[in-house]
Amino acid sequence: MTIVADDSYPPYSYLENEEIKGIYVDIIKAAAKRIAKYYQIEIITMPWKRGLVSLENSEHFAIIPPYKRKAKRPYIWPYSTALFLETVVAFCHKDVSLEDAINSKGSQQVIQVGMNAGFLILNKELKTAQAQGLIRIWENKNTSANIMKLIFRRIDCYINDRVSTLWQLTELQKQHAEVDFSNIQETYLVMEQTAHIGYVREGIAKYPYKADFIKKMDDALLEIQKIGISNNIINKYLSHH
């Protein structure tokens, strides 16, 4: 069973020295041990957008870690039990007010907002502001690329999961001590969303055991959550930062 993981979404799933790491990767590996006598699981990485296309084309069985987007991604169904609750926020330059733009207050200058390519993380207010031309969305490859564009003021704000953004900021500070992050702050809560394993909708002929696998994987995920293994994995990653 092949599960595609986002290759650049630390600390949840990422490549480091050609090794697949991350909170969700380790949670799935822990669950996989519990169903190993039935199924062998391989986790491979791809850029997020390419991974989604691979599921749309029924090339792979599952992907991590999508939010539930039934209408926007009809090719994914069903979703596993929740892996974790992510908090999506906006990081902006201190002289930028995303809320004022949303509420059409203050300067009518268009706010340039960065997002990771393929992410569906705009709330209703931000979608309305985008439609009204108050904000402009720029899709960039990954978290690191977006943060660098934010630092060098190529974008005014960056929207992503809080933990992932702060993780990448810490990594960049280690590598570039001279870079100044003091003008950037978290300014706006966009949404809270659970992350899941998303399964390919089509391909029943290719995966006749799909329903059985999903049931066994969900049972294993719930078991490791209940006995604290999931929390231990999460804490291991977050305590290192």
C-alpha atoms as a PDB file:
ATOM      1  CA  MET A   1       0.000   0.000   0.000  1.00  0.00           C
ATOM      2  CA  THR A   2       1.585   3.283  -1.090  1.00  0.00           C
ATOM      3  CA  ILE A   3       0.814   6.484   0.789  1.00  0.00           C
ATOM      4  CA  VAL A   4       2.050   9.772  -0.680  1.00  0.00           C
ATOM      5  CA  ALA A   5       3.333  12.342   1.821  1.00  0.00           C
ATOM      6  CA  ASP A   6       3.982  16.053   1.339  1.00  0.00           C
ATOM      7  CA  ASP A   7       7.769  16.355   0.933  1.00  0.00           C
ATOM      8  CA  SER A   8       8.032  19.840   2.425  1.00  0.00           C
ATOM      9  CA  TYR A   9       5.642  20.284   5.321  1.00  0.00           C
ATOM     10  CA  PRO A  10       7.760  20.043   8.482  1.00  0.00           C
ATOM     11  CA  PRO A  11       7.265  18.956  11.201  1.00  0.00           C
ATOM     12  CA  TYR A  12       4.354  16.912   9.818  1.00  0.00           C
ATOM     13  CA  SER A  13       5.946  15.296   6.749  1.00  0.00           C
ATOM     14  CA  TYR A  14       9.210  16.181   5.053  1.00  0.00           C
ATOM     15  CA  LEU A  15      12.422  14.919   3.508  1.00  0.00           C
ATOM     16  CA  GLU A  16      15.685  15.379   5.398  1.00  0.00           C
ATOM     17  CA  ASN A  17      18.865  13.931   3.895  1.00  0.00           C
ATOM     18  CA  GLU A  18      16.698  11.700   1.675  1.00  0.00           C
ATOM     19  CA  GLU A  19      14.923  10.312   4.763  1.00  0.00           C
ATOM     20  CA  ILE A  20      11.151  10.701   5.192  1.00  0.00           C
ATOM     21  CA  LYS A  21      10.380  12.207   8.584  1.00  0.00           C
ATOM     22  CA  GLY A  22       7.532  13.925  10.388  1.00  0.00           C
ATOM     23  CA  ILE A  23       4.761  13.652  12.955  1.00  0.00           C
ATOM     24  CA  TYR A  24       2.253  12.126  10.534  1.00  0.00           C
ATOM     25  CA  VAL A  25       4.845   9.825   8.988  1.00  0.00           C
ATOM     26  CA  ASP A  26       5.751   8.405  12.401  1.00  0.00           C
ATOM     27  CA  ILE A  27       2.097   8.105  13.467  1.00  0.00           C
ATOM     28  CA  ILE A  28       1.284   6.112  10.332  1.00  0.00           C
ATOM     29  CA  LYS A  29       4.373   3.923  10.811  1.00  0.00           C
ATOM     30  CA  ALA A  30       3.286   3.195  14.393  1.00  0.00           C
ATOM     31  CA  ALA A  31      -0.214   2.284  13.205  1.00  0.00           C
ATOM     32  CA  ALA A  32       1.216   0.228  10.329  1.00  0.00           C
ATOM     33  CA  LYS A  33       3.065  -2.033  12.777  1.00  0.00           C
ATOM     34  CA  ARG A  34      -0.294  -3.027  14.224  1.00  0.00           C
ATOM     35  CA  ILE A  35      -1.664  -4.177  10.866  1.00  0.00           C
ATOM     36  CA  ALA A  36       1.599  -5.513   9.422  1.00  0.00           C
ATOM     37  CA  LYS A  37       0.321  -9.085   9.224  1.00  0.00           C
ATOM     38  CA  TYR A  38      -2.379  -7.883   6.811  1.00  0.00           C
ATOM     39  CA  TYR A  39      -0.767  -5.001   4.894  1.00  0.00           C
ATOM     40  CA  GLN A  40       2.662  -3.587   4.123  1.00  0.00           C
ATOM     41  CA  ILE A  41       2.741   0.204   3.852  1.00  0.00           C
ATOM     42  CA  GLU A  42       5.229   2.247   1.839  1.00  0.00           C
ATOM     43  CA  ILE A  43       5.389   6.017   2.327  1.00  0.00           C
ATOM     44  CA  ILE A  44       6.794   8.068  -0.548  1.00  0.00           C
ATOM     45  CA  THR A  45       7.137  11.856  -0.832  1.00  0.00           C
ATOM     46  CA  MET A  46       6.167  14.340  -3.519  1.00  0.00           C
ATOM     47  CA  PRO A  47       5.519  18.061  -3.754  1.00  0.00           C
ATOM     48  CA  TRP A  48       1.981  18.530  -2.427  1.00  0.00           C
ATOM     49  CA  LYS A  49       0.381  19.614  -5.690  1.00  0.00           C
ATOM     50  CA  ARG A  50       1.929  16.705  -7.613  1.00  0.00           C
ATOM     51  CA  GLY A  51       0.768  14.278  -4.940  1.00  0.00           C
ATOM     52  CA  LEU A  52      -2.804  15.513  -5.293  1.00  0.00           C
ATOM     53  CA  VAL A  53      -2.632  15.072  -9.085  1.00  0.00           C
ATOM     54  CA  SER A  54      -1.367  11.520  -8.591  1.00  0.00           C
ATOM     55  CA  LEU A  55      -4.500  10.723  -6.561  1.00  0.00           C
ATOM     56  CA  GLU A  56      -6.734  12.501  -9.049  1.00  0.00           C
ATOM     57  CA  ASN A  57      -5.271  10.212 -11.701  1.00  0.00           C
ATOM     58  CA  SER A  58      -5.739   7.147  -9.429  1.00  0.00           C
ATOM     59  CA  GLU A  59      -1.979   6.514  -9.491  1.00  0.00           C
ATOM     60  CA  HIS A  60      -1.677   6.072  -5.727  1.00  0.00           C
ATOM     61  CA  PHE A  61      -3.811   4.740  -2.924  1.00  0.00           C
ATOM     62  CA  ALA A  62      -3.673   7.548  -0.362  1.00  0.00           C
ATOM     63  CA  ILE A  63      -2.113  10.883   0.580  1.00  0.00           C
ATOM     64  CA  ILE A  64      -1.185  12.717   3.805  1.00  0.00           C
ATOM     65  CA  PRO A  65      -2.173  15.108   5.271  1.00  0.00           C
ATOM     66  CA  PRO A  66      -5.201  16.697   3.564  1.00  0.00           C
ATOM     67  CA  TYR A  67      -7.963  18.569   5.360  1.00  0.00           C
ATOM     68  CA  LYS A  68     -11.477  17.403   4.474  1.00  0.00           C
ATOM     69  CA  ARG A  69     -12.356  19.166   1.208  1.00  0.00           C
ATOM     70  CA  LYS A  70     -15.091  16.986  -0.283  1.00  0.00           C
ATOM     71  CA  ALA A  71     -16.350  19.495  -2.865  1.00  0.00           C
ATOM     72  CA  LYS A  72     -12.951  20.792  -3.958  1.00  0.00           C
ATOM     73  CA  ARG A  73     -11.288  17.375  -4.101  1.00  0.00           C
ATOM     74  CA  PRO A  74     -13.965  14.890  -5.180  1.00  0.00           C
ATOM     75  CA  TYR A  75     -11.248  12.391  -6.120  1.00  0.00           C
ATOM     76  CA  ILE A  76     -10.413  11.898  -2.409  1.00  0.00           C
ATOM     77  CA  TRP A  77     -12.792   9.740  -0.378  1.00  0.00           C
ATOM     78  CA  PRO A  78     -13.023   8.670   2.349  1.00  0.00           C
ATOM     79  CA  TYR A  79     -10.800  10.274   4.993  1.00  0.00           C
ATOM     80  CA  SER A  80      -9.201   8.509   7.928  1.00  0.00           C
ATOM     81  CA  THR A  81      -9.837   9.299  11.546  1.00  0.00           C
ATOM     82  CA  ALA A  82      -8.155  12.619  12.404  1.00  0.00           C
ATOM     83  CA  LEU A  83      -4.376  12.594  12.830  1.00  0.00           C
ATOM     84  CA  PHE A  84      -4.085  16.033  14.479  1.00  0.00           C
ATOM     85  CA  LEU A  85      -5.841  19.402  14.748  1.00  0.00           C
ATOM     86  CA  GLU A  86      -3.929  22.080  12.818  1.00  0.00           C
ATOM     87  CA  THR A  87      -4.351  25.802  13.410  1.00  0.00           C
ATOM     88  CA  VAL A  88      -4.090  27.933  10.270  1.00  0.00           C
ATOM     89  CA  VAL A  89      -2.997  31.531  10.875  1.00  0.00           C
ATOM     90  CA  ALA A  90      -1.666  34.538   8.984  1.00  0.00           C
ATOM     91  CA  PHE A  91       1.821  35.888   9.604  1.00  0.00           C
ATOM     92  CA  CYS A  92       2.139  39.471   8.372  1.00  0.00           C
ATOM     93  CA  HIS A  93       4.441  42.467   8.478  1.00  0.00           C
ATOM     94  CA  LYS A  94       3.567  44.646  11.462  1.00  0.00           C
ATOM     95  CA  ASP A  95       2.393  47.527   9.259  1.00  0.00           C
ATOM     96  CA  VAL A  96      -0.158  45.276   7.489  1.00  0.00           C
ATOM     97  CA  SER A  97      -3.669  44.604   8.779  1.00  0.00           C
ATOM     98  CA  LEU A  98      -5.302  41.649   7.080  1.00  0.00           C
ATOM     99  CA  GLU A  99      -8.438  42.192   9.174  1.00  0.00           C
ATOM    100  CA  ASP A 100      -8.763  45.779   7.935  1.00  0.00           C
ATOM    101  CA  ALA A 101      -8.552  44.518   4.361  1.00  0.00           C
ATOM    102  CA  ILE A 102     -11.193  41.866   5.063  1.00  0.00           C
ATOM    103  CA  ASN A 103     -13.460  44.508   6.597  1.00  0.00           C
ATOM    104  CA  SER A 104     -12.648  47.036   3.828  1.00  0.00           C
ATOM    105  CA  LYS A 105     -11.216  49.484   6.322  1.00  0.00           C
ATOM    106  CA  GLY A 106      -8.199  51.762   6.038  1.00  0.00           C
ATOM    107  CA  SER A 107      -5.921  51.709   3.012  1.00  0.00           C
ATOM    108  CA  GLN A 108      -7.359  50.080  -0.085  1.00  0.00           C
ATOM    109  CA  GLN A 109      -3.895  48.914  -1.165  1.00  0.00           C
ATOM    110  CA  VAL A 110      -4.079  45.282  -2.240  1.00  0.00           C
ATOM    111  CA  ILE A 111      -2.441  42.961   0.295  1.00  0.00           C
ATOM    112  CA  GLN A 112      -0.170  40.336  -1.255  1.00  0.00           C
ATOM    113  CA  VAL A 113      -0.705  36.974   0.468  1.00  0.00           C
ATOM    114  CA  GLY A 114       1.452  33.872   0.052  1.00  0.00           C
ATOM    115  CA  MET A 115       0.254  30.278   0.367  1.00  0.00           C
ATOM    116  CA  ASN A 116       1.723  26.850  -0.326  1.00  0.00           C
ATOM    117  CA  ALA A 117       0.793  25.541  -3.780  1.00  0.00           C
ATOM    118  CA  GLY A 118      -2.256  23.286  -3.685  1.00  0.00           C
ATOM    119  CA  PHE A 119      -3.344  24.258  -0.162  1.00  0.00           C
ATOM    120  CA  LEU A 120      -7.062  25.019   0.348  1.00  0.00           C
ATOM    121  CA  ILE A 121      -6.929  27.120   3.514  1.00  0.00           C
ATOM    122  CA  LEU A 122      -8.849  30.333   2.866  1.00  0.00           C
ATOM    123  CA  ASN A 123     -11.872  30.961   5.075  1.00  0.00           C
ATOM    124  CA  LYS A 124     -15.077  32.599   3.844  1.00  0.00           C
ATOM    125  CA  GLU A 125     -13.904  36.125   4.723  1.00  0.00           C
ATOM    126  CA  LEU A 126     -10.601  35.734   2.879  1.00  0.00           C
ATOM    127  CA  LYS A 127     -12.321  34.265  -0.186  1.00  0.00           C
ATOM    128  CA  THR A 128     -14.653  37.282  -0.235  1.00  0.00           C
ATOM    129  CA  ALA A 129     -11.711  39.677   0.129  1.00  0.00           C
ATOM    130  CA  GLN A 130      -9.945  37.881  -2.730  1.00  0.00           C
ATOM    131  CA  ALA A 131     -13.040  38.125  -4.947  1.00  0.00           C
ATOM    132  CA  GLN A 132     -13.284  41.850  -4.155  1.00  0.00           C
ATOM    133  CA  GLY A 133      -9.637  42.385  -5.086  1.00  0.00           C
ATOM    134  CA  LEU A 134      -8.642  43.397  -1.539  1.00  0.00           C
ATOM    135  CA  ILE A 135      -6.085  40.608  -1.284  1.00  0.00           C
ATOM    136  CA  ARG A 136      -4.114  38.815  -3.964  1.00  0.00           C
ATOM    137  CA  ILE A 137      -3.037  35.189  -3.478  1.00  0.00           C
ATOM    138  CA  TRP A 138       0.374  33.976  -4.618  1.00  0.00           C
ATOM    139  CA  GLU A 139       1.068  30.232  -4.582  1.00  0.00           C
ATOM    140  CA  ASN A 140       4.669  29.365  -3.801  1.00  0.00           C
ATOM    141  CA  LYS A 141       6.376  25.975  -3.656  1.00  0.00           C
ATOM    142  CA  ASN A 142       6.584  25.442   0.095  1.00  0.00           C
ATOM    143  CA  THR A 143       6.786  26.956   3.579  1.00  0.00           C
ATOM    144  CA  SER A 144      10.450  27.900   3.320  1.00  0.00           C
ATOM    145  CA  ALA A 145       9.959  29.719  -0.006  1.00  0.00           C
ATOM    146  CA  ASN A 146       6.974  31.622   1.379  1.00  0.00           C
ATOM    147  CA  ILE A 147       8.792  32.683   4.547  1.00  0.00           C
ATOM    148  CA  MET A 148      11.767  33.998   2.547  1.00  0.00           C
ATOM    149  CA  LYS A 149       9.384  35.976   0.324  1.00  0.00           C
ATOM    150  CA  LEU A 150       7.704  37.338   3.449  1.00  0.00           C
ATOM    151  CA  ILE A 151      11.027  38.366   5.013  1.00  0.00           C
ATOM    152  CA  PHE A 152      12.147  40.161   1.854  1.00  0.00           C
ATOM    153  CA  ARG A 153       8.719  41.790   1.451  1.00  0.00           C
ATOM    154  CA  ARG A 154       7.794  40.096  -1.806  1.00  0.00           C
ATOM    155  CA  ILE A 155       4.534  39.267  -0.010  1.00  0.00           C
ATOM    156  CA  ASP A 156       2.824  41.093   2.863  1.00  0.00           C
ATOM    157  CA  CYS A 157       1.372  38.046   4.633  1.00  0.00           C
ATOM    158  CA  TYR A 158       1.759  34.288   4.654  1.00  0.00           C
ATOM    159  CA  ILE A 159      -1.058  31.875   5.564  1.00  0.00           C
ATOM    160  CA  ASN A 160      -0.258  28.379   6.828  1.00  0.00           C
ATOM    161  CA  ASP A 161      -0.417  26.083   9.839  1.00  0.00           C
ATOM    162  CA  ARG A 162       1.072  27.813  12.897  1.00  0.00           C
ATOM    163  CA  VAL A 163       3.294  24.922  14.009  1.00  0.00           C
ATOM    164  CA  SER A 164       4.740  24.336  10.542  1.00  0.00           C
ATOM    165  CA  THR A 165       5.482  28.031  10.021  1.00  0.00           C
ATOM    166  CA  LEU A 166       7.157  28.497  13.413  1.00  0.00           C
ATOM    167  CA  TRP A 167       9.152  25.292  12.861  1.00  0.00           C
ATOM    168  CA  GLN A 168      10.478  26.581   9.535  1.00  0.00           C
ATOM    169  CA  LEU A 169      11.213  30.021  11.010  1.00  0.00           C
ATOM    170  CA  THR A 170      13.345  28.366  13.690  1.00  0.00           C
ATOM    171  CA  GLU A 171      15.232  26.369  11.048  1.00  0.00           C
ATOM    172  CA  LEU A 172      15.856  29.483   8.962  1.00  0.00           C
ATOM    173  CA  GLN A 173      17.126  31.357  12.009  1.00  0.00           C
ATOM    174  CA  LYS A 174      19.643  28.573  12.634  1.00  0.00           C
ATOM    175  CA  GLN A 175      20.868  28.796   9.047  1.00  0.00           C
ATOM    176  CA  HIS A 176      20.683  32.590   8.611  1.00  0.00           C
ATOM    177  CA  ALA A 177      21.301  34.325  11.935  1.00  0.00           C
ATOM    178  CA  GLU A 178      21.544  37.671  10.142  1.00  0.00           C
ATOM    179  CA  VAL A 179      17.977  37.558   8.827  1.00  0.00           C
ATOM    180  CA  ASP A 180      15.615  39.810  10.772  1.00  0.00           C
ATOM    181  CA  PHE A 181      12.240  38.334  11.715  1.00  0.00           C
ATOM    182  CA  SER A 182      11.306  41.086  14.176  1.00  0.00           C
ATOM    183  CA  ASN A 183       8.947  42.855  11.772  1.00  0.00           C
ATOM    184  CA  ILE A 184       6.759  39.758  11.292  1.00  0.00           C
ATOM    185  CA  GLN A 185       3.963  38.731  13.641  1.00  0.00           C
ATOM    186  CA  GLU A 186       1.033  36.367  13.813  1.00  0.00           C
ATOM    187  CA  THR A 187      -2.019  38.512  13.197  1.00  0.00           C
ATOM    188  CA  TYR A 188      -5.097  36.529  12.234  1.00  0.00           C
ATOM    189  CA  LEU A 189      -6.684  33.140  12.951  1.00  0.00           C
ATOM    190  CA  VAL A 190      -7.917  31.672   9.662  1.00  0.00           C
ATOM    191  CA  MET A 191      -9.293  28.287  10.753  1.00  0.00           C
ATOM    192  CA  GLU A 192      -8.717  25.112  12.719  1.00  0.00           C
ATOM    193  CA  GLN A 193      -8.810  21.916  10.674  1.00  0.00           C
ATOM    194  CA  THR A 194      -8.112  18.250  11.297  1.00  0.00           C
ATOM    195  CA  ALA A 195      -5.566  16.503   9.077  1.00  0.00           C
ATOM    196  CA  HIS A 196      -6.181  12.989   7.745  1.00  0.00           C
ATOM    197  CA  ILE A 197      -5.101  10.212   5.445  1.00  0.00           C
ATOM    198  CA  GLY A 198      -7.075  10.864   2.272  1.00  0.00           C
ATOM    199  CA  TYR A 199      -7.875   7.819   0.138  1.00  0.00           C
ATOM    200  CA  VAL A 200      -8.350   7.692  -3.626  1.00  0.00           C
ATOM    201  CA  ARG A 201     -12.060   7.543  -4.506  1.00  0.00           C
ATOM    202  CA  GLU A 202     -11.675   5.557  -7.724  1.00  0.00           C
ATOM    203  CA  GLY A 203      -9.753   2.375  -8.297  1.00  0.00           C
ATOM    204  CA  ILE A 204     -11.965  -0.153  -6.527  1.00  0.00           C
ATOM    205  CA  ALA A 205     -10.894  -2.738  -9.119  1.00  0.00           C
ATOM    206  CA  LYS A 206      -7.258  -1.868  -8.382  1.00  0.00           C
ATOM    207  CA  TYR A 207      -7.793  -1.848  -4.594  1.00  0.00           C
ATOM    208  CA  PRO A 208     -10.543  -4.402  -3.814  1.00  0.00           C
ATOM    209  CA  TYR A 209      -9.355  -4.486  -0.181  1.00  0.00           C
ATOM    210  CA  LYS A 210      -9.725  -0.704   0.255  1.00  0.00           C
ATOM    211  CA  ALA A 211     -12.611  -0.825   2.774  1.00  0.00           C
ATOM    212  CA  ASP A 212     -10.856  -3.473   4.865  1.00  0.00           C
ATOM    213  CA  PHE A 213      -7.600  -1.509   4.912  1.00  0.00           C
ATOM    214  CA  ILE A 214      -9.338   1.726   5.955  1.00  0.00           C
ATOM    215  CA  LYS A 215     -11.149  -0.046   8.807  1.00  0.00           C
ATOM    216  CA  LYS A 216      -7.972  -1.699  10.088  1.00  0.00           C
ATOM    217  CA  MET A 217      -5.931   1.520   9.740  1.00  0.00           C
ATOM    218  CA  ASP A 218      -8.565   3.592  11.567  1.00  0.00           C
ATOM    219  CA  ASP A 219      -8.691   1.023  14.371  1.00  0.00           C
ATOM    220  CA  ALA A 220      -4.887   1.134  14.635  1.00  0.00           C
ATOM    221  CA  LEU A 221      -4.812   4.948  14.620  1.00  0.00           C
ATOM    222  CA  LEU A 222      -7.450   5.119  17.349  1.00  0.00           C
ATOM    223  CA  GLU A 223      -5.520   2.552  19.398  1.00  0.00           C
ATOM    224  CA  ILE A 224      -2.230   4.446  19.309  1.00  0.00           C
ATOM    225  CA  GLN A 225      -4.069   7.661  20.162  1.00  0.00           C
ATOM    226  CA  LYS A 226      -5.777   5.993  23.109  1.00  0.00           C
ATOM    227  CA  ILE A 227      -2.566   4.589  24.599  1.00  0.00           C
ATOM    228  CA  GLY A 228      -0.611   7.822  24.099  1.00  0.00           C
ATOM    229  CA  ILE A 229       1.759   6.878  21.275  1.00  0.00           C
ATOM    230  CA  SER A 230       0.471   9.668  19.006  1.00  0.00           C
ATOM    231  CA  ASN A 231       0.994  12.294  21.716  1.00  0.00           C
ATOM    232  CA  ASN A 232       4.504  10.984  22.390  1.00  0.00           C
ATOM    233  CA  ILE A 233       5.362  11.348  18.686  1.00  0.00           C
ATOM    234  CA  ILE A 234       3.933  14.876  18.553  1.00  0.00           C
ATOM    235  CA  ASN A 235       5.764  15.924  21.719  1.00  0.00           C
ATOM    236  CA  LYS A 236       9.037  14.418  20.468  1.00  0.00           C
ATOM    237  CA  TYR A 237       9.023  16.695  17.435  1.00  0.00           C
ATOM    238  CA  LEU A 238       7.719  19.837  19.084  1.00  0.00           C
ATOM    239  CA  SER A 239       9.969  19.608  22.158  1.00  0.00           C
ATOM    240  CA  HIS A 240      13.029  19.664  19.899  1.00  0.00           C
ATOM    241  CA  HIS A 241      12.107  23.175  18.786  1.00  0.00           C
END
